[in-house]
Amino acid sequence: MVNLNFYSACPNPELTVGVERHSDGCMLIVLVQDDIGGLYVKIGEHALPENEVWVEIPPVHGALVINVGDSLQVNL
């Protein structure tokens, strides 16, 4: 199954809120980047909330970001 979403550019980006931190339950997420950015990833899988470190992924216009979702994750 494939699910595709397209979010058009917001005419007032200063009014956007974004999405709370979350985990993606699917297998793979393919994101096409723009010039705006705003994607962060958590470093350290099992960090306590007070010790979480979030790193911004710098935008590269037209680049693809591939996220591995929860259903593809393997715990060793």
N, C-alpha and C. Protein backbone atom coordinates (compact mmCIF):
# COMPACT_ATOMS: atom_id res chain seq x y z
N MET A 1 0.84 -1.17 0.00
CA MET A 1 0.00 0.00 0.00
C MET A 1 0.89 1.24 0.00
N VAL A 2 0.49 2.22 -0.77
CA VAL A 2 1.22 3.48 -0.84
C VAL A 2 0.26 4.60 -0.50
N ASN A 3 0.69 5.50 0.37
CA ASN A 3 -0.09 6.67 0.74
C ASN A 3 0.72 7.89 0.34
N LEU A 4 0.16 8.76 -0.47
CA LEU A 4 0.86 9.96 -0.91
C LEU A 4 0.16 11.19 -0.35
N ASN A 5 0.93 12.11 0.17
CA ASN A 5 0.41 13.39 0.66
C ASN A 5 1.16 14.50 -0.02
N PHE A 6 0.46 15.55 -0.38
CA PHE A 6 1.09 16.74 -0.93
C PHE A 6 0.59 17.94 -0.15
N TYR A 7 1.50 18.68 0.43
CA TYR A 7 1.16 19.87 1.17
C TYR A 7 1.66 21.07 0.38
N SER A 8 0.74 21.84 -0.16
CA SER A 8 1.13 23.01 -0.95
C SER A 8 1.74 24.07 -0.04
N ALA A 9 2.45 25.00 -0.65
CA ALA A 9 3.10 26.06 0.12
C ALA A 9 2.06 26.92 0.82
N CYS A 10 2.34 27.26 2.06
CA CYS A 10 1.44 28.10 2.85
C CYS A 10 1.68 29.56 2.46
N PRO A 11 0.62 30.30 2.15
CA PRO A 11 0.81 31.70 1.78
C PRO A 11 1.30 32.57 2.95
N ASN A 12 1.11 32.10 4.19
CA ASN A 12 1.56 32.83 5.38
C ASN A 12 2.36 31.89 6.28
N PRO A 13 3.59 31.52 5.90
CA PRO A 13 4.33 30.53 6.69
C PRO A 13 4.60 30.96 8.12
N GLU A 14 4.57 32.25 8.40
CA GLU A 14 4.79 32.70 9.78
C GLU A 14 3.62 32.32 10.70
N LEU A 15 2.50 31.90 10.12
CA LEU A 15 1.34 31.50 10.90
C LEU A 15 1.25 29.99 11.11
N THR A 16 2.18 29.24 10.54
CA THR A 16 2.11 27.78 10.67
C THR A 16 2.57 27.34 12.05
N VAL A 17 2.06 26.20 12.49
CA VAL A 17 2.38 25.68 13.81
C VAL A 17 3.32 24.49 13.72
N GLY A 18 3.16 23.64 12.73
CA GLY A 18 3.97 22.44 12.61
C GLY A 18 3.32 21.27 13.30
N VAL A 19 4.07 20.22 13.47
CA VAL A 19 3.58 18.97 14.05
C VAL A 19 4.36 18.68 15.31
N GLU A 20 3.67 18.20 16.33
CA GLU A 20 4.35 17.79 17.57
C GLU A 20 5.32 16.65 17.27
N ARG A 21 6.27 16.42 18.15
CA ARG A 21 7.17 15.29 17.97
C ARG A 21 6.32 14.02 17.94
N HIS A 22 6.72 13.13 17.06
CA HIS A 22 5.95 11.91 16.86
C HIS A 22 6.83 10.84 16.24
N SER A 23 6.31 9.65 16.16
CA SER A 23 6.99 8.55 15.51
C SER A 23 6.12 8.15 14.33
N ASP A 24 6.74 7.75 13.23
CA ASP A 24 6.01 7.36 12.03
C ASP A 24 5.82 5.85 12.03
N GLY A 25 4.58 5.41 12.01
CA GLY A 25 4.26 4.00 12.13
C GLY A 25 4.44 3.19 10.86
N CYS A 26 4.59 3.83 9.72
CA CYS A 26 4.70 3.08 8.47
C CYS A 26 6.12 2.57 8.26
N MET A 27 6.39 2.00 7.08
CA MET A 27 7.71 1.43 6.81
C MET A 27 8.73 2.48 6.38
N LEU A 28 8.42 3.21 5.33
CA LEU A 28 9.34 4.21 4.80
C LEU A 28 8.59 5.51 4.54
N ILE A 29 9.26 6.60 4.77
CA ILE A 29 8.72 7.91 4.48
C ILE A 29 9.72 8.60 3.55
N VAL A 30 9.24 9.06 2.42
CA VAL A 30 10.09 9.77 1.46
C VAL A 30 9.61 11.22 1.44
N LEU A 31 10.50 12.13 1.83
CA LEU A 31 10.18 13.55 1.86
C LEU A 31 10.98 14.28 0.80
N VAL A 32 10.30 15.08 -0.02
CA VAL A 32 10.99 15.94 -0.98
C VAL A 32 11.17 17.28 -0.29
N GLN A 33 12.41 17.70 -0.15
CA GLN A 33 12.68 18.94 0.58
C GLN A 33 12.47 20.17 -0.28
N ASP A 34 12.20 21.27 0.40
CA ASP A 34 12.09 22.57 -0.23
C ASP A 34 13.12 23.50 0.40
N ASP A 35 12.94 24.78 0.28
CA ASP A 35 13.89 25.73 0.87
C ASP A 35 13.53 26.11 2.30
N ILE A 36 12.38 25.67 2.79
CA ILE A 36 11.90 26.12 4.10
C ILE A 36 12.50 25.31 5.24
N GLY A 37 12.56 24.00 5.10
CA GLY A 37 13.10 23.17 6.17
C GLY A 37 12.11 22.96 7.30
N GLY A 38 12.63 22.66 8.48
CA GLY A 38 11.79 22.43 9.64
C GLY A 38 11.75 20.99 10.09
N LEU A 39 12.52 20.11 9.42
CA LEU A 39 12.57 18.71 9.81
C LEU A 39 13.64 18.51 10.88
N TYR A 40 13.24 17.89 11.99
CA TYR A 40 14.17 17.56 13.07
C TYR A 40 14.11 16.06 13.32
N VAL A 41 15.24 15.48 13.72
CA VAL A 41 15.27 14.06 14.12
C VAL A 41 15.85 13.96 15.52
N LYS A 42 15.37 12.95 16.26
CA LYS A 42 15.86 12.73 17.62
C LYS A 42 17.06 11.81 17.57
N ILE A 43 18.11 12.20 18.24
CA ILE A 43 19.32 11.39 18.34
C ILE A 43 19.25 10.63 19.66
N GLY A 44 19.46 9.35 19.61
CA GLY A 44 19.41 8.54 20.83
C GLY A 44 18.03 7.96 21.02
N GLU A 45 17.81 6.75 20.58
CA GLU A 45 16.52 6.09 20.58
C GLU A 45 15.86 6.06 21.96
N HIS A 46 16.63 5.74 22.99
CA HIS A 46 16.04 5.48 24.30
C HIS A 46 16.28 6.60 25.31
N ALA A 47 16.52 7.80 24.80
CA ALA A 47 16.79 8.92 25.71
C ALA A 47 15.53 9.30 26.49
N LEU A 48 15.72 9.64 27.73
CA LEU A 48 14.62 10.16 28.53
C LEU A 48 14.21 11.52 27.97
N PRO A 49 12.95 11.90 28.11
CA PRO A 49 12.51 13.18 27.54
C PRO A 49 13.39 14.36 27.92
N GLU A 50 13.86 14.40 29.16
CA GLU A 50 14.70 15.54 29.56
C GLU A 50 16.10 15.48 28.96
N ASN A 51 16.50 14.32 28.40
CA ASN A 51 17.83 14.17 27.80
C ASN A 51 17.79 14.07 26.28
N GLU A 52 16.62 14.26 25.69
CA GLU A 52 16.50 14.14 24.24
C GLU A 52 17.32 15.22 23.54
N VAL A 53 17.93 14.84 22.44
CA VAL A 53 18.66 15.79 21.60
C VAL A 53 18.03 15.74 20.22
N TRP A 54 17.52 16.89 19.76
CA TRP A 54 16.91 16.99 18.45
C TRP A 54 17.84 17.78 17.54
N VAL A 55 18.04 17.28 16.33
CA VAL A 55 18.96 17.89 15.36
C VAL A 55 18.15 18.28 14.13
N GLU A 56 18.33 19.52 13.67
CA GLU A 56 17.63 19.97 12.46
C GLU A 56 18.32 19.41 11.22
N ILE A 57 17.51 18.92 10.30
CA ILE A 57 18.03 18.47 9.01
C ILE A 57 17.99 19.67 8.08
N PRO A 58 19.17 20.17 7.66
CA PRO A 58 19.17 21.37 6.82
C PRO A 58 18.52 21.08 5.46
N PRO A 59 17.68 22.00 4.99
CA PRO A 59 17.01 21.76 3.71
C PRO A 59 17.97 21.86 2.53
N VAL A 60 17.83 20.94 1.59
CA VAL A 60 18.54 20.97 0.32
C VAL A 60 17.45 20.87 -0.74
N HIS A 61 17.19 21.96 -1.43
CA HIS A 61 16.07 22.03 -2.35
C HIS A 61 16.08 20.86 -3.33
N GLY A 62 14.97 20.12 -3.38
CA GLY A 62 14.82 19.00 -4.31
C GLY A 62 15.40 17.69 -3.83
N ALA A 63 16.08 17.70 -2.69
CA ALA A 63 16.67 16.46 -2.16
C ALA A 63 15.57 15.57 -1.57
N LEU A 64 15.83 14.28 -1.53
CA LEU A 64 14.92 13.32 -0.91
C LEU A 64 15.46 12.92 0.45
N VAL A 65 14.60 12.94 1.45
CA VAL A 65 14.96 12.46 2.78
C VAL A 65 14.17 11.17 2.98
N ILE A 66 14.87 10.08 3.31
CA ILE A 66 14.23 8.79 3.52
C ILE A 66 14.24 8.50 5.01
N ASN A 67 13.05 8.40 5.61
CA ASN A 67 12.92 8.06 7.02
C ASN A 67 12.48 6.60 7.13
N VAL A 68 13.10 5.87 8.03
CA VAL A 68 12.67 4.51 8.33
C VAL A 68 11.61 4.59 9.42
N GLY A 69 10.43 4.07 9.13
CA GLY A 69 9.33 4.11 10.07
C GLY A 69 9.39 2.99 11.08
N ASP A 70 8.47 3.02 12.04
CA ASP A 70 8.44 2.06 13.14
C ASP A 70 8.28 0.61 12.67
N SER A 71 7.47 0.38 11.63
CA SER A 71 7.21 -1.00 11.22
C SER A 71 8.40 -1.64 10.53
N LEU A 72 9.42 -0.86 10.16
CA LEU A 72 10.64 -1.42 9.56
C LEU A 72 11.78 -1.50 10.57
N GLN A 73 11.60 -0.90 11.73
CA GLN A 73 12.65 -0.86 12.76
C GLN A 73 12.87 -2.26 13.33
N VAL A 74 14.12 -2.58 13.56
CA VAL A 74 14.48 -3.86 14.17
C VAL A 74 15.18 -3.56 15.48
N ASN A 75 14.69 -4.14 16.56
CA ASN A 75 15.35 -3.98 17.86
C ASN A 75 16.29 -5.15 18.08
N LEU A 76 17.54 -4.83 18.33
CA LEU A 76 18.55 -5.87 18.57
C LEU A 76 18.79 -6.04 20.04
